[in-house]
Amino acid sequence: MTKAKSWKDGGVKKSSMIKDKSARSRWKQRMKQKEDRKAVQEYERTLKEEAARQKEEKRKRIEEKQKKKEENERKSEVVQVIRNPAKLKRLSKKQWKKIRKS
């Protein structure tokens, strides 16, 4: 360009040096990345739902087991019916706690 700098040949602008592939390929690439992200998010959501469902099932099983255990304990108890109400007046607090009203 200038005679003082002979080693520089005719310069080319940087914008014209970069050859743009095409807007379509970049658009397709972005759309593919977006779809991939959506797929990953969907997969993560299904995993979380599955874990929550399993946790809920486990909690229900534990509750049912506890209820069954209490029921069996009540069935196996030896119960004595108190017919004389005067006996109830003589009971201590500890004994009152043990009494089950039916």
PDB file of N, CA and C in Angstrom:
ATOM      1  N   MET A   1       0.807  -1.169   0.000  1.00  0.00           N
ATOM      2  CA  MET A   1       0.000   0.000   0.000  1.00  0.00           C
ATOM      3  C   MET A   1       0.869   1.260   0.000  1.00  0.00           C
ATOM      4  N   THR A   2       1.745   1.296   0.944  1.00  0.00           N
ATOM      5  CA  THR A   2       2.637   2.462   0.947  1.00  0.00           C
ATOM      6  C   THR A   2       4.005   2.045   0.454  1.00  0.00           C
ATOM      7  N   LYS A   3       4.688   2.947  -0.103  1.00  0.00           N
ATOM      8  CA  LYS A   3       6.001   2.633  -0.649  1.00  0.00           C
ATOM      9  C   LYS A   3       7.040   2.479   0.442  1.00  0.00           C
ATOM     10  N   ALA A   4       6.790   3.070   1.602  1.00  0.00           N
ATOM     11  CA  ALA A   4       7.743   2.990   2.702  1.00  0.00           C
ATOM     12  C   ALA A   4       7.777   1.585   3.298  1.00  0.00           C
ATOM     13  N   LYS A   5       6.634   0.883   3.255  1.00  0.00           N
ATOM     14  CA  LYS A   5       6.569  -0.475   3.815  1.00  0.00           C
ATOM     15  C   LYS A   5       6.381  -1.456   2.663  1.00  0.00           C
ATOM     16  N   SER A   6       7.467  -1.854   2.064  1.00  0.00           N
ATOM     17  CA  SER A   6       7.402  -2.681   0.872  1.00  0.00           C
ATOM     18  C   SER A   6       7.011  -4.134   1.170  1.00  0.00           C
ATOM     19  N   TRP A   7       7.227  -4.559   2.382  1.00  0.00           N
ATOM     20  CA  TRP A   7       6.891  -5.955   2.702  1.00  0.00           C
ATOM     21  C   TRP A   7       5.388  -6.174   2.813  1.00  0.00           C
ATOM     22  N   LYS A   8       4.626  -5.092   2.964  1.00  0.00           N
ATOM     23  CA  LYS A   8       3.169  -5.224   3.040  1.00  0.00           C
ATOM     24  C   LYS A   8       2.608  -5.175   1.630  1.00  0.00           C
ATOM     25  N   ASP A   9       1.957  -6.259   1.266  1.00  0.00           N
ATOM     26  CA  ASP A   9       1.312  -6.241  -0.037  1.00  0.00           C
ATOM     27  C   ASP A   9      -0.107  -5.711   0.136  1.00  0.00           C
ATOM     28  N   GLY A  10      -0.864  -5.681  -0.877  1.00  0.00           N
ATOM     29  CA  GLY A  10      -2.208  -5.109  -0.843  1.00  0.00           C
ATOM     30  C   GLY A  10      -3.038  -5.770   0.256  1.00  0.00           C
ATOM     31  N   GLY A  11      -3.427  -4.985   1.205  1.00  0.00           N
ATOM     32  CA  GLY A  11      -4.160  -5.507   2.355  1.00  0.00           C
ATOM     33  C   GLY A  11      -5.584  -5.896   2.016  1.00  0.00           C
ATOM     34  N   VAL A  12      -6.039  -6.882   2.739  1.00  0.00           N
ATOM     35  CA  VAL A  12      -7.411  -7.326   2.565  1.00  0.00           C
ATOM     36  C   VAL A  12      -8.104  -7.136   3.906  1.00  0.00           C
ATOM     37  N   LYS A  13      -9.317  -6.633   3.879  1.00  0.00           N
ATOM     38  CA  LYS A  13     -10.044  -6.412   5.119  1.00  0.00           C
ATOM     39  C   LYS A  13     -10.344  -7.745   5.792  1.00  0.00           C
ATOM     40  N   LYS A  14     -10.325  -7.706   7.108  1.00  0.00           N
ATOM     41  CA  LYS A  14     -10.552  -8.919   7.887  1.00  0.00           C
ATOM     42  C   LYS A  14     -11.945  -9.491   7.632  1.00  0.00           C
ATOM     43  N   SER A  15     -12.918  -8.632   7.493  1.00  0.00           N
ATOM     44  CA  SER A  15     -14.285  -9.099   7.280  1.00  0.00           C
ATOM     45  C   SER A  15     -14.422  -9.888   5.980  1.00  0.00           C
ATOM     46  N   SER A  16     -13.638  -9.528   4.962  1.00  0.00           N
ATOM     47  CA  SER A  16     -13.720 -10.264   3.702  1.00  0.00           C
ATOM     48  C   SER A  16     -12.845 -11.515   3.741  1.00  0.00           C
ATOM     49  N   MET A  17     -11.897 -11.586   4.682  1.00  0.00           N
ATOM     50  CA  MET A  17     -11.049 -12.782   4.797  1.00  0.00           C
ATOM     51  C   MET A  17     -11.825 -13.961   5.379  1.00  0.00           C
ATOM     52  N   ILE A  18     -12.684 -13.679   6.348  1.00  0.00           N
ATOM     53  CA  ILE A  18     -13.452 -14.744   6.992  1.00  0.00           C
ATOM     54  C   ILE A  18     -14.574 -15.138   6.053  1.00  0.00           C
ATOM     55  N   LYS A  19     -14.563 -16.379   5.665  1.00  0.00           N
ATOM     56  CA  LYS A  19     -15.592 -16.858   4.762  1.00  0.00           C
ATOM     57  C   LYS A  19     -16.729 -17.450   5.607  1.00  0.00           C
ATOM     58  N   ASP A  20     -17.855 -16.849   5.504  1.00  0.00           N
ATOM     59  CA  ASP A  20     -19.022 -17.272   6.270  1.00  0.00           C
ATOM     60  C   ASP A  20     -19.585 -18.527   5.619  1.00  0.00           C
ATOM     61  N   LYS A  21     -19.710 -19.597   6.424  1.00  0.00           N
ATOM     62  CA  LYS A  21     -20.234 -20.844   5.858  1.00  0.00           C
ATOM     63  C   LYS A  21     -21.651 -20.596   5.349  1.00  0.00           C
ATOM     64  N   SER A  22     -22.542 -20.420   6.268  1.00  0.00           N
ATOM     65  CA  SER A  22     -23.878 -19.971   5.899  1.00  0.00           C
ATOM     66  C   SER A  22     -24.676 -19.830   7.176  1.00  0.00           C
ATOM     67  N   ALA A  23     -25.607 -18.971   7.142  1.00  0.00           N
ATOM     68  CA  ALA A  23     -26.430 -18.738   8.326  1.00  0.00           C
ATOM     69  C   ALA A  23     -27.262 -19.977   8.630  1.00  0.00           C
ATOM     70  N   ARG A  24     -27.603 -20.715   7.622  1.00  0.00           N
ATOM     71  CA  ARG A  24     -28.429 -21.903   7.827  1.00  0.00           C
ATOM     72  C   ARG A  24     -27.718 -22.960   8.653  1.00  0.00           C
ATOM     73  N   SER A  25     -26.464 -23.206   8.364  1.00  0.00           N
ATOM     74  CA  SER A  25     -25.749 -24.253   9.101  1.00  0.00           C
ATOM     75  C   SER A  25     -25.636 -23.869  10.569  1.00  0.00           C
ATOM     76  N   ARG A  26     -25.390 -22.586  10.853  1.00  0.00           N
ATOM     77  CA  ARG A  26     -25.317 -22.164  12.244  1.00  0.00           C
ATOM     78  C   ARG A  26     -26.693 -22.262  12.901  1.00  0.00           C
ATOM     79  N   TRP A  27     -27.732 -21.893  12.167  1.00  0.00           N
ATOM     80  CA  TRP A  27     -29.098 -21.978  12.692  1.00  0.00           C
ATOM     81  C   TRP A  27     -29.455 -23.432  13.005  1.00  0.00           C
ATOM     82  N   LYS A  28     -29.126 -24.322  12.081  1.00  0.00           N
ATOM     83  CA  LYS A  28     -29.398 -25.745  12.301  1.00  0.00           C
ATOM     84  C   LYS A  28     -28.627 -26.259  13.509  1.00  0.00           C
ATOM     85  N   GLN A  29     -27.400 -25.806  13.620  1.00  0.00           N
ATOM     86  CA  GLN A  29     -26.565 -26.242  14.739  1.00  0.00           C
ATOM     87  C   GLN A  29     -27.161 -25.752  16.069  1.00  0.00           C
ATOM     88  N   ARG A  30     -27.609 -24.514  16.102  1.00  0.00           N
ATOM     89  CA  ARG A  30     -28.220 -23.975  17.315  1.00  0.00           C
ATOM     90  C   ARG A  30     -29.501 -24.729  17.661  1.00  0.00           C
ATOM     91  N   MET A  31     -30.291 -25.009  16.649  1.00  0.00           N
ATOM     92  CA  MET A  31     -31.536 -25.744  16.884  1.00  0.00           C
ATOM     93  C   MET A  31     -31.244 -27.152  17.404  1.00  0.00           C
ATOM     94  N   LYS A  32     -30.211 -27.784  16.861  1.00  0.00           N
ATOM     95  CA  LYS A  32     -29.839 -29.125  17.319  1.00  0.00           C
ATOM     96  C   LYS A  32     -29.382 -29.081  18.774  1.00  0.00           C
ATOM     97  N   GLN A  33     -28.605 -28.070  19.133  1.00  0.00           N
ATOM     98  CA  GLN A  33     -28.155 -27.922  20.519  1.00  0.00           C
ATOM     99  C   GLN A  33     -29.353 -27.690  21.443  1.00  0.00           C
ATOM    100  N   LYS A  34     -30.289 -26.891  20.974  1.00  0.00           N
ATOM    101  CA  LYS A  34     -31.485 -26.612  21.764  1.00  0.00           C
ATOM    102  C   LYS A  34     -32.287 -27.893  21.994  1.00  0.00           C
ATOM    103  N   GLU A  35     -32.445 -28.702  20.951  1.00  0.00           N
ATOM    104  CA  GLU A  35     -33.161 -29.969  21.071  1.00  0.00           C
ATOM    105  C   GLU A  35     -32.436 -30.922  22.023  1.00  0.00           C
ATOM    106  N   ASP A  36     -31.107 -30.937  21.931  1.00  0.00           N
ATOM    107  CA  ASP A  36     -30.318 -31.786  22.821  1.00  0.00           C
ATOM    108  C   ASP A  36     -30.516 -31.367  24.276  1.00  0.00           C
ATOM    109  N   ARG A  37     -30.490 -30.050  24.517  1.00  0.00           N
ATOM    110  CA  ARG A  37     -30.701 -29.552  25.881  1.00  0.00           C
ATOM    111  C   ARG A  37     -32.076 -29.942  26.396  1.00  0.00           C
ATOM    112  N   LYS A  38     -33.084 -29.821  25.532  1.00  0.00           N
ATOM    113  CA  LYS A  38     -34.445 -30.191  25.930  1.00  0.00           C
ATOM    114  C   LYS A  38     -34.530 -31.674  26.265  1.00  0.00           C
ATOM    115  N   ALA A  39     -33.867 -32.492  25.463  1.00  0.00           N
ATOM    116  CA  ALA A  39     -33.883 -33.935  25.705  1.00  0.00           C
ATOM    117  C   ALA A  39     -33.219 -34.268  27.044  1.00  0.00           C
ATOM    118  N   VAL A  40     -32.119 -33.600  27.325  1.00  0.00           N
ATOM    119  CA  VAL A  40     -31.410 -33.845  28.591  1.00  0.00           C
ATOM    120  C   VAL A  40     -32.279 -33.407  29.771  1.00  0.00           C
ATOM    121  N   GLN A  41     -32.923 -32.250  29.639  1.00  0.00           N
ATOM    122  CA  GLN A  41     -33.795 -31.766  30.710  1.00  0.00           C
ATOM    123  C   GLN A  41     -34.967 -32.718  30.935  1.00  0.00           C
ATOM    124  N   GLU A  42     -35.533 -33.221  29.860  1.00  0.00           N
ATOM    125  CA  GLU A  42     -36.646 -34.170  29.963  1.00  0.00           C
ATOM    126  C   GLU A  42     -36.197 -35.448  30.671  1.00  0.00           C
ATOM    127  N   TYR A  43     -35.012 -35.923  30.311  1.00  0.00           N
ATOM    128  CA  TYR A  43     -34.469 -37.132  30.940  1.00  0.00           C
ATOM    129  C   TYR A  43     -34.241 -36.903  32.430  1.00  0.00           C
ATOM    130  N   GLU A  44     -33.680 -35.743  32.795  1.00  0.00           N
ATOM    131  CA  GLU A  44     -33.459 -35.422  34.209  1.00  0.00           C
ATOM    132  C   GLU A  44     -34.778 -35.363  34.963  1.00  0.00           C
ATOM    133  N   ARG A  45     -35.786 -34.777  34.329  1.00  0.00           N
ATOM    134  CA  ARG A  45     -37.101 -34.667  34.968  1.00  0.00           C
ATOM    135  C   ARG A  45     -37.706 -36.051  35.208  1.00  0.00           C
ATOM    136  N   THR A  46     -37.575 -36.936  34.223  1.00  0.00           N
ATOM    137  CA  THR A  46     -38.120 -38.290  34.402  1.00  0.00           C
ATOM    138  C   THR A  46     -37.376 -39.024  35.518  1.00  0.00           C
ATOM    139  N   LEU A  47     -36.061 -38.817  35.605  1.00  0.00           N
ATOM    140  CA  LEU A  47     -35.298 -39.457  36.684  1.00  0.00           C
ATOM    141  C   LEU A  47     -35.752 -38.950  38.050  1.00  0.00           C
ATOM    142  N   LYS A  48     -35.969 -37.641  38.152  1.00  0.00           N
ATOM    143  CA  LYS A  48     -36.426 -37.065  39.423  1.00  0.00           C
ATOM    144  C   LYS A  48     -37.806 -37.587  39.791  1.00  0.00           C
ATOM    145  N   GLU A  49     -38.700 -37.672  38.800  1.00  0.00           N
ATOM    146  CA  GLU A  49     -40.047 -38.180  39.054  1.00  0.00           C
ATOM    147  C   GLU A  49     -39.994 -39.631  39.521  1.00  0.00           C
ATOM    148  N   GLU A  50     -39.159 -40.417  38.888  1.00  0.00           N
ATOM    149  CA  GLU A  50     -39.016 -41.829  39.271  1.00  0.00           C
ATOM    150  C   GLU A  50     -38.503 -41.951  40.701  1.00  0.00           C
ATOM    151  N   ALA A  51     -37.501 -41.141  41.051  1.00  0.00           N
ATOM    152  CA  ALA A  51     -36.949 -41.185  42.409  1.00  0.00           C
ATOM    153  C   ALA A  51     -38.004 -40.766  43.427  1.00  0.00           C
ATOM    154  N   ALA A  52     -38.783 -39.739  43.108  1.00  0.00           N
ATOM    155  CA  ALA A  52     -39.837 -39.274  44.016  1.00  0.00           C
ATOM    156  C   ALA A  52     -40.914 -40.346  44.182  1.00  0.00           C
ATOM    157  N   ARG A  53     -41.259 -41.001  43.087  1.00  0.00           N
ATOM    158  CA  ARG A  53     -42.283 -42.062  43.144  1.00  0.00           C
ATOM    159  C   ARG A  53     -41.808 -43.219  44.010  1.00  0.00           C
ATOM    160  N   GLN A  54     -40.554 -43.612  43.838  1.00  0.00           N
ATOM    161  CA  GLN A  54     -40.008 -44.707  44.647  1.00  0.00           C
ATOM    162  C   GLN A  54     -39.966 -44.332  46.127  1.00  0.00           C
ATOM    163  N   LYS A  55     -39.602 -43.088  46.410  1.00  0.00           N
ATOM    164  CA  LYS A  55     -39.544 -42.622  47.795  1.00  0.00           C
ATOM    165  C   LYS A  55     -40.938 -42.653  48.421  1.00  0.00           C
ATOM    166  N   GLU A  56     -41.943 -42.219  47.660  1.00  0.00           N
ATOM    167  CA  GLU A  56     -43.324 -42.221  48.142  1.00  0.00           C
ATOM    168  C   GLU A  56     -43.814 -43.648  48.401  1.00  0.00           C
ATOM    169  N   GLU A  57     -43.493 -44.564  47.489  1.00  0.00           N
ATOM    170  CA  GLU A  57     -43.887 -45.965  47.671  1.00  0.00           C
ATOM    171  C   GLU A  57     -43.243 -46.556  48.920  1.00  0.00           C
ATOM    172  N   LYS A  58     -41.981 -46.242  49.121  1.00  0.00           N
ATOM    173  CA  LYS A  58     -41.267 -46.749  50.296  1.00  0.00           C
ATOM    174  C   LYS A  58     -41.906 -46.216  51.575  1.00  0.00           C
ATOM    175  N   ARG A  59     -42.270 -44.916  51.580  1.00  0.00           N
ATOM    176  CA  ARG A  59     -42.906 -44.307  52.743  1.00  0.00           C
ATOM    177  C   ARG A  59     -44.256 -44.977  53.035  1.00  0.00           C
ATOM    178  N   LYS A  60     -45.037 -45.259  51.979  1.00  0.00           N
ATOM    179  CA  LYS A  60     -46.334 -45.916  52.153  1.00  0.00           C
ATOM    180  C   LYS A  60     -46.171 -47.324  52.707  1.00  0.00           C
ATOM    181  N   ARG A  61     -45.166 -48.051  52.193  1.00  0.00           N
ATOM    182  CA  ARG A  61     -44.922 -49.408  52.692  1.00  0.00           C
ATOM    183  C   ARG A  61     -44.574 -49.386  54.176  1.00  0.00           C
ATOM    184  N   ILE A  62     -43.736 -48.423  54.571  1.00  0.00           N
ATOM    185  CA  ILE A  62     -43.343 -48.312  55.978  1.00  0.00           C
ATOM    186  C   ILE A  62     -44.560 -48.005  56.850  1.00  0.00           C
ATOM    187  N   GLU A  63     -45.419 -47.084  56.386  1.00  0.00           N
ATOM    188  CA  GLU A  63     -46.632 -46.743  57.133  1.00  0.00           C
ATOM    189  C   GLU A  63     -47.540 -47.960  57.285  1.00  0.00           C
ATOM    190  N   GLU A  64     -47.742 -48.694  56.197  1.00  0.00           N
ATOM    191  CA  GLU A  64     -48.597 -49.881  56.243  1.00  0.00           C
ATOM    192  C   GLU A  64     -48.023 -50.922  57.202  1.00  0.00           C
ATOM    193  N   LYS A  65     -46.713 -51.092  57.146  1.00  0.00           N
ATOM    194  CA  LYS A  65     -46.054 -52.048  58.037  1.00  0.00           C
ATOM    195  C   LYS A  65     -46.248 -51.650  59.499  1.00  0.00           C
ATOM    196  N   GLN A  66     -46.127 -50.342  59.777  1.00  0.00           N
ATOM    197  CA  GLN A  66     -46.297 -49.844  61.140  1.00  0.00           C
ATOM    198  C   GLN A  66     -47.731 -50.067  61.621  1.00  0.00           C
ATOM    199  N   LYS A  67     -48.713 -49.782  60.756  1.00  0.00           N
ATOM    200  CA  LYS A  67     -50.112 -49.987  61.120  1.00  0.00           C
ATOM    201  C   LYS A  67     -50.397 -51.461  61.403  1.00  0.00           C
ATOM    202  N   LYS A  68     -49.858 -52.313  60.556  1.00  0.00           N
ATOM    203  CA  LYS A  68     -50.056 -53.754  60.723  1.00  0.00           C
ATOM    204  C   LYS A  68     -49.456 -54.225  62.052  1.00  0.00           C
ATOM    205  N   LYS A  69     -48.281 -53.686  62.367  1.00  0.00           N
ATOM    206  CA  LYS A  69     -47.600 -54.061  63.607  1.00  0.00           C
ATOM    207  C   LYS A  69     -48.433 -53.648  64.819  1.00  0.00           C
ATOM    208  N   GLU A  70     -48.941 -52.406  64.796  1.00  0.00           N
ATOM    209  CA  GLU A  70     -49.771 -51.933  65.906  1.00  0.00           C
ATOM    210  C   GLU A  70     -51.043 -52.762  66.034  1.00  0.00           C
ATOM    211  N   GLU A  71     -51.627 -53.089  64.908  1.00  0.00           N
ATOM    212  CA  GLU A  71     -52.848 -53.890  64.905  1.00  0.00           C
ATOM    213  C   GLU A  71     -52.586 -55.271  65.513  1.00  0.00           C
ATOM    214  N   ASN A  72     -51.479 -55.872  65.120  1.00  0.00           N
ATOM    215  CA  ASN A  72     -51.127 -57.189  65.657  1.00  0.00           C
ATOM    216  C   ASN A  72     -50.845 -57.127  67.155  1.00  0.00           C
ATOM    217  N   GLU A  73     -50.208 -56.043  67.594  1.00  0.00           N
ATOM    218  CA  GLU A  73     -49.946 -55.885  69.026  1.00  0.00           C
ATOM    219  C   GLU A  73     -51.252 -55.786  69.800  1.00  0.00           C
ATOM    220  N   ARG A  74     -52.207 -55.035  69.266  1.00  0.00           N
ATOM    221  CA  ARG A  74     -53.501 -54.913  69.933  1.00  0.00           C
ATOM    222  C   ARG A  74     -54.241 -56.248  69.973  1.00  0.00           C
ATOM    223  N   LYS A  75     -54.109 -57.020  68.915  1.00  0.00           N
ATOM    224  CA  LYS A  75     -54.777 -58.328  68.885  1.00  0.00           C
ATOM    225  C   LYS A  75     -54.179 -59.268  69.927  1.00  0.00           C
ATOM    226  N   SER A  76     -52.885 -59.162  70.135  1.00  0.00           N
ATOM    227  CA  SER A  76     -52.213 -60.081  71.046  1.00  0.00           C
ATOM    228  C   SER A  76     -52.304 -59.652  72.518  1.00  0.00           C
ATOM    229  N   GLU A  77     -52.793 -58.435  72.780  1.00  0.00           N
ATOM    230  CA  GLU A  77     -52.900 -57.963  74.154  1.00  0.00           C
ATOM    231  C   GLU A  77     -53.943 -58.756  74.926  1.00  0.00           C
ATOM    232  N   VAL A  78     -53.634 -58.921  76.201  1.00  0.00           N
ATOM    233  CA  VAL A  78     -54.609 -59.533  77.089  1.00  0.00           C
ATOM    234  C   VAL A  78     -55.334 -58.375  77.776  1.00  0.00           C
ATOM    235  N   VAL A  79     -56.632 -58.312  77.590  1.00  0.00           N
ATOM    236  CA  VAL A  79     -57.413 -57.184  78.075  1.00  0.00           C
ATOM    237  C   VAL A  79     -58.331 -57.641  79.199  1.00  0.00           C
ATOM    238  N   GLN A  80     -58.393 -56.809  80.221  1.00  0.00           N
ATOM    239  CA  GLN A  80     -59.293 -57.094  81.334  1.00  0.00           C
ATOM    240  C   GLN A  80     -60.268 -55.925  81.448  1.00  0.00           C
ATOM    241  N   VAL A  81     -61.542 -56.234  81.405  1.00  0.00           N
ATOM    242  CA  VAL A  81     -62.563 -55.205  81.444  1.00  0.00           C
ATOM    243  C   VAL A  81     -62.770 -54.770  82.897  1.00  0.00           C
ATOM    244  N   ILE A  82     -62.766 -53.455  83.132  1.00  0.00           N
ATOM    245  CA  ILE A  82     -63.007 -52.920  84.476  1.00  0.00           C
ATOM    246  C   ILE A  82     -64.494 -52.589  84.571  1.00  0.00           C
ATOM    247  N   ARG A  83     -65.162 -53.326  85.424  1.00  0.00           N
ATOM    248  CA  ARG A  83     -66.610 -53.126  85.561  1.00  0.00           C
ATOM    249  C   ARG A  83     -66.942 -52.238  86.761  1.00  0.00           C
ATOM    250  N   ASN A  84     -66.071 -52.234  87.736  1.00  0.00           N
ATOM    251  CA  ASN A  84     -66.312 -51.453  88.945  1.00  0.00           C
ATOM    252  C   ASN A  84     -65.720 -50.054  88.767  1.00  0.00           C
ATOM    253  N   PRO A  85     -66.542 -49.015  88.664  1.00  0.00           N
ATOM    254  CA  PRO A  85     -66.024 -47.656  88.457  1.00  0.00           C
ATOM    255  C   PRO A  85     -65.238 -47.123  89.664  1.00  0.00           C
ATOM    256  N   ALA A  86     -65.394 -47.701  90.813  1.00  0.00           N
ATOM    257  CA  ALA A  86     -64.665 -47.262  92.011  1.00  0.00           C
ATOM    258  C   ALA A  86     -63.164 -47.544  91.846  1.00  0.00           C
ATOM    259  N   LYS A  87     -62.826 -48.589  91.111  1.00  0.00           N
ATOM    260  CA  LYS A  87     -61.422 -48.928  90.875  1.00  0.00           C
ATOM    261  C   LYS A  87     -60.728 -47.833  90.060  1.00  0.00           C
ATOM    262  N   LEU A  88     -61.465 -47.237  89.136  1.00  0.00           N
ATOM    263  CA  LEU A  88     -60.894 -46.195  88.287  1.00  0.00           C
ATOM    264  C   LEU A  88     -60.457 -44.982  89.099  1.00  0.00           C
ATOM    265  N   LYS A  89     -61.192 -44.697  90.169  1.00  0.00           N
ATOM    266  CA  LYS A  89     -60.868 -43.545  91.003  1.00  0.00           C
ATOM    267  C   LYS A  89     -59.561 -43.762  91.765  1.00  0.00           C
ATOM    268  N   ARG A  90     -59.220 -45.014  92.027  1.00  0.00           N
ATOM    269  CA  ARG A  90     -58.028 -45.322  92.826  1.00  0.00           C
ATOM    270  C   ARG A  90     -56.751 -45.410  91.977  1.00  0.00           C
ATOM    271  N   LEU A  91     -56.896 -45.356  90.668  1.00  0.00           N
ATOM    272  CA  LEU A  91     -55.731 -45.532  89.802  1.00  0.00           C
ATOM    273  C   LEU A  91     -54.794 -44.326  89.852  1.00  0.00           C
ATOM    274  N   SER A  92     -53.499 -44.617  89.700  1.00  0.00           N
ATOM    275  CA  SER A  92     -52.504 -43.542  89.622  1.00  0.00           C
ATOM    276  C   SER A  92     -52.421 -43.045  88.172  1.00  0.00           C
ATOM    277  N   LYS A  93     -51.639 -41.976  87.973  1.00  0.00           N
ATOM    278  CA  LYS A  93     -51.501 -41.404  86.622  1.00  0.00           C
ATOM    279  C   LYS A  93     -50.892 -42.418  85.652  1.00  0.00           C
ATOM    280  N   LYS A  94     -49.924 -43.151  86.144  1.00  0.00           N
ATOM    281  CA  LYS A  94     -49.251 -44.144  85.306  1.00  0.00           C
ATOM    282  C   LYS A  94     -50.245 -45.204  84.827  1.00  0.00           C
ATOM    283  N   GLN A  95     -51.080 -45.640  85.735  1.00  0.00           N
ATOM    284  CA  GLN A  95     -52.063 -46.659  85.389  1.00  0.00           C
ATOM    285  C   GLN A  95     -53.128 -46.092  84.441  1.00  0.00           C
ATOM    286  N   TRP A  96     -53.464 -44.820  84.599  1.00  0.00           N
ATOM    287  CA  TRP A  96     -54.440 -44.189  83.718  1.00  0.00           C
ATOM    288  C   TRP A  96     -53.936 -44.177  82.271  1.00  0.00           C
ATOM    289  N   LYS A  97     -52.629 -43.968  82.096  1.00  0.00           N
ATOM    290  CA  LYS A  97     -52.048 -43.930  80.752  1.00  0.00           C
ATOM    291  C   LYS A  97     -52.148 -45.288  80.070  1.00  0.00           C
ATOM    292  N   LYS A  98     -52.091 -46.336  80.850  1.00  0.00           N
ATOM    293  CA  LYS A  98     -52.136 -47.685  80.276  1.00  0.00           C
ATOM    294  C   LYS A  98     -53.541 -48.104  79.872  1.00  0.00           C
ATOM    295  N   ILE A  99     -54.544 -47.456  80.415  1.00  0.00           N
ATOM    296  CA  ILE A  99     -55.941 -47.825  80.135  1.00  0.00           C
ATOM    297  C   ILE A  99     -56.311 -47.357  78.726  1.00  0.00           C
ATOM    298  N   ARG A 100     -56.883 -48.271  77.972  1.00  0.00           N
ATOM    299  CA  ARG A 100     -57.354 -47.946  76.633  1.00  0.00           C
ATOM    300  C   ARG A 100     -58.866 -47.960  76.624  1.00  0.00           C
ATOM    301  N   LYS A 101     -59.451 -46.867  76.224  1.00  0.00           N
ATOM    302  CA  LYS A 101     -60.905 -46.782  76.200  1.00  0.00           C
ATOM    303  C   LYS A 101     -61.400 -47.288  74.865  1.00  0.00           C
ATOM    304  N   SER A 102     -62.406 -48.145  74.938  1.00  0.00           N
ATOM    305  CA  SER A 102     -62.910 -48.699  73.685  1.00  0.00           C
ATOM    306  C   SER A 102     -64.299 -48.239  73.377  1.00  0.00           C
TER     307      SER A 102
END
